[in-house]
Amino acid sequence: MSPALVPARPRLRTFVATVEDVPGVLNRVASLFRRRGYNITSLTVGQSELSGLSRLTIVVACDDATAARLEANLWKLVDLVEVHELAAGEAVERDLALIKVKADKTTRAQVVQAVELFAGRVVDVAPDELVVEIAATRERVDDLRRVLETFGVVALVRTGAIAMPRAGVDDPTRTQSQSQSQKSASGT
């Protein structure tokens, strides 16, 4: 098969959207993906730096053409202020996970050592279990989970990805009016 005929392979794409903080906006975003038959790998939402606006981070596996269509469809949502796909090399992306792992007297030191190796930390202790926390890239969280499985993972919960452009990189998720109002407030 010639390279021109090989279909584009899906890869994980991260979209960051700024939306009005109103009831139903999350449902409208999720419904847009559901109606088009795309699986959301990760979806997080929380307050932004501006009152009345929230920031959504959406991770979905898709090819270039699908990513462009999804972004265009997101722009059609009524409560949407901004949306952009973040380039992988120009963004900081993190997942937060809490992992409950078996750790008795004989294995506790090994578990703690493994967690510290991954820059995680122990946040709760019981005689036969530990709860550990890690905030890292998706891959790093997966790696720690695999290491801890040898001891016995009892439970795991993850937040999903949050992302923003790296320091010094223009933030496409901030509207012109947001940038201008911050400049006015700082006197520049």
Protein backbone atom coordinates (compact mmCIF):
# COMPACT_ATOMS: atom_id res chain seq x y z
CA MET A 1 0.00 0.00 0.00
CA SER A 2 1.42 3.38 -0.92
CA PRO A 3 1.93 5.95 1.89
CA ALA A 4 -0.80 8.16 0.39
CA LEU A 5 -3.37 5.36 0.80
CA VAL A 6 -2.51 4.46 4.41
CA PRO A 7 -5.27 5.80 6.68
CA ALA A 8 -4.20 8.26 9.35
CA ARG A 9 -3.76 6.56 12.72
CA PRO A 10 -5.68 7.94 15.65
CA ARG A 11 -3.65 9.47 18.44
CA LEU A 12 -4.59 11.10 21.71
CA ARG A 13 -5.56 14.74 21.22
CA THR A 14 -5.98 17.27 24.02
CA PHE A 15 -8.54 20.05 23.60
CA VAL A 16 -8.86 22.84 26.14
CA ALA A 17 -12.10 24.80 26.13
CA THR A 18 -13.10 27.87 28.10
CA VAL A 19 -16.84 27.86 28.76
CA GLU A 20 -19.36 29.97 30.63
CA ASP A 21 -19.94 28.55 34.11
CA VAL A 22 -23.63 27.73 33.63
CA PRO A 23 -25.76 24.63 34.25
CA GLY A 24 -25.82 22.13 31.38
CA VAL A 25 -22.62 23.13 29.60
CA LEU A 26 -20.80 19.90 30.47
CA ASN A 27 -23.78 17.87 29.26
CA ARG A 28 -23.77 19.75 25.93
CA VAL A 29 -20.06 19.06 25.42
CA ALA A 30 -20.37 15.35 26.29
CA SER A 31 -23.47 15.04 24.09
CA LEU A 32 -21.61 16.49 21.12
CA PHE A 33 -19.04 13.67 21.37
CA ARG A 34 -21.72 11.03 22.06
CA ARG A 35 -23.83 12.04 19.04
CA ARG A 36 -20.83 11.70 16.76
CA GLY A 37 -19.78 8.35 18.26
CA TYR A 38 -16.40 9.42 19.70
CA ASN A 39 -15.15 8.03 22.97
CA ILE A 40 -13.82 10.62 25.41
CA THR A 41 -10.65 9.21 26.98
CA SER A 42 -10.57 11.89 29.67
CA LEU A 43 -12.77 14.86 30.58
CA THR A 44 -12.09 17.26 33.43
CA VAL A 45 -13.65 20.59 34.28
CA GLY A 46 -12.89 23.22 36.88
CA GLN A 47 -12.72 26.91 37.61
CA SER A 48 -10.49 29.11 35.51
CA GLU A 49 -8.63 32.23 36.58
CA LEU A 50 -11.64 34.37 35.61
CA SER A 51 -14.91 34.51 37.54
CA GLY A 52 -17.84 33.01 35.63
CA LEU A 53 -15.66 30.90 33.31
CA SER A 54 -14.61 27.27 33.62
CA ARG A 55 -11.95 25.35 31.76
CA LEU A 56 -12.55 21.90 30.26
CA THR A 57 -9.77 19.54 29.25
CA ILE A 58 -10.95 16.88 26.80
CA VAL A 59 -8.72 14.02 25.62
CA VAL A 60 -9.93 11.95 22.68
CA ALA A 61 -8.24 9.48 20.30
CA CYS A 62 -8.74 10.59 16.70
CA ASP A 63 -7.00 11.37 13.44
CA ASP A 64 -6.23 14.86 12.06
CA ALA A 65 -9.47 15.23 10.07
CA THR A 66 -11.64 14.14 13.00
CA ALA A 67 -9.79 16.49 15.37
CA ALA A 68 -10.50 19.41 13.03
CA ARG A 69 -14.21 18.45 12.83
CA LEU A 70 -14.49 18.08 16.61
CA GLU A 71 -12.92 21.48 17.21
CA ALA A 72 -15.23 23.08 14.62
CA ASN A 73 -18.27 21.45 16.26
CA LEU A 74 -17.18 22.58 19.73
CA TRP A 75 -17.06 26.17 18.43
CA LYS A 76 -20.82 25.87 17.66
CA LEU A 77 -21.76 25.38 21.32
CA VAL A 78 -23.62 28.36 22.77
CA ASP A 79 -21.74 28.59 26.09
CA LEU A 80 -18.28 28.14 24.55
CA VAL A 81 -15.86 31.09 24.78
CA GLU A 82 -12.68 29.47 23.35
CA VAL A 83 -11.46 26.03 22.29
CA HIS A 84 -8.12 24.88 20.94
CA GLU A 85 -6.17 21.69 20.51
CA LEU A 86 -2.92 21.84 22.45
CA ALA A 87 0.20 20.65 20.66
CA ALA A 88 1.84 17.85 22.65
CA GLY A 89 5.27 19.48 22.85
CA GLU A 90 3.87 22.87 23.82
CA ALA A 91 1.64 21.77 26.71
CA VAL A 92 1.98 20.62 30.29
CA GLU A 93 -0.45 17.78 30.97
CA ARG A 94 -0.99 15.97 34.28
CA ASP A 95 -3.24 13.30 35.77
CA LEU A 96 -3.85 12.91 39.49
CA ALA A 97 -4.35 9.40 40.87
CA LEU A 98 -5.02 7.90 44.27
CA ILE A 99 -4.00 4.24 44.52
CA LYS A 100 -4.80 1.97 47.47
CA VAL A 101 -2.20 -0.80 47.61
CA LYS A 102 -1.60 -3.76 49.91
CA ALA A 103 1.40 -3.09 52.16
CA ASP A 104 2.02 -5.15 55.28
CA LYS A 105 5.07 -5.00 57.56
CA THR A 106 7.18 -7.01 55.12
CA THR A 107 6.37 -5.04 51.95
CA ARG A 108 5.65 -1.53 53.26
CA ALA A 109 9.21 -0.22 52.77
CA GLN A 110 9.32 -1.55 49.20
CA VAL A 111 5.99 0.07 48.35
CA VAL A 112 7.06 3.42 49.82
CA GLN A 113 10.36 3.25 47.95
CA ALA A 114 8.57 2.54 44.64
CA VAL A 115 6.13 5.41 45.22
CA GLU A 116 8.96 7.85 46.01
CA LEU A 117 10.83 6.71 42.89
CA PHE A 118 7.85 7.91 40.86
CA ALA A 119 7.65 11.21 42.82
CA GLY A 120 4.43 10.10 44.48
CA ARG A 121 3.65 10.25 48.16
CA VAL A 122 1.84 8.25 50.80
CA VAL A 123 -1.31 10.09 51.95
CA ASP A 124 -2.98 7.49 54.18
CA VAL A 125 -1.77 4.48 56.18
CA ALA A 126 -3.49 1.42 57.65
CA PRO A 127 -1.92 -1.76 59.07
CA ASP A 128 -2.17 -3.67 55.75
CA GLU A 129 -2.71 -0.94 53.14
CA LEU A 130 -1.41 2.42 51.95
CA VAL A 131 -3.09 5.08 49.86
CA VAL A 132 -0.64 6.84 47.56
CA GLU A 133 -1.03 9.95 45.45
CA ILE A 134 0.70 10.78 42.19
CA ALA A 135 0.34 13.81 39.92
CA ALA A 136 2.21 13.10 36.71
CA THR A 137 1.87 12.40 33.02
CA ARG A 138 -0.62 9.72 31.99
CA GLU A 139 2.24 7.37 31.14
CA ARG A 140 3.99 7.89 34.49
CA VAL A 141 0.76 7.18 36.41
CA ASP A 142 0.29 4.00 34.35
CA ASP A 143 3.90 2.96 35.08
CA LEU A 144 3.43 3.38 38.85
CA ARG A 145 0.18 1.43 38.72
CA ARG A 146 1.97 -1.46 36.96
CA VAL A 147 4.74 -1.48 39.59
CA LEU A 148 2.23 -1.44 42.44
CA GLU A 149 0.21 -4.28 40.91
CA THR A 150 3.00 -6.65 42.06
CA PHE A 151 2.04 -5.77 45.65
CA GLY A 152 -1.71 -5.81 45.03
CA VAL A 153 -3.68 -2.75 43.95
CA VAL A 154 -6.93 -2.67 45.94
CA ALA A 155 -8.47 0.43 44.32
CA LEU A 156 -7.53 3.21 41.93
CA VAL A 157 -9.17 6.51 41.04
CA ARG A 158 -7.92 9.09 38.53
CA THR A 159 -8.93 12.63 37.72
CA GLY A 160 -8.21 12.54 34.02
CA ALA A 161 -5.96 14.99 32.27
CA ILE A 162 -5.65 18.67 32.96
CA ALA A 163 -3.52 20.69 30.57
CA MET A 164 -2.31 24.16 29.69
CA PRO A 165 0.30 25.64 27.36
CA ARG A 166 3.87 25.62 28.69
CA ALA A 167 5.25 28.76 30.33
CA GLY A 168 6.37 31.20 27.66
CA VAL A 169 4.06 29.69 25.01
CA ASP A 170 1.11 31.80 23.86
CA ASP A 171 -2.09 30.50 25.41
CA PRO A 172 -4.68 30.03 22.65
CA THR A 173 -7.34 29.25 25.26
CA ARG A 174 -7.39 32.85 26.51
CA THR A 175 -9.62 35.21 24.59
CA GLN A 176 -8.45 38.58 23.36
CA SER A 177 -10.78 40.29 25.84
CA GLN A 178 -9.27 38.28 28.72
CA SER A 179 -5.75 39.31 27.69
CA GLN A 180 -6.73 42.95 27.28
CA SER A 181 -8.56 43.09 30.64
CA GLN A 182 -5.51 41.63 32.43
CA LYS A 183 -3.22 44.17 30.72
CA SER A 184 -5.56 46.99 31.77
CA ALA A 185 -5.65 45.73 35.35
CA SER A 186 -1.85 45.55 35.52
CA GLY A 187 -1.45 49.02 34.00
CA THR A 188 0.44 47.90 30.87
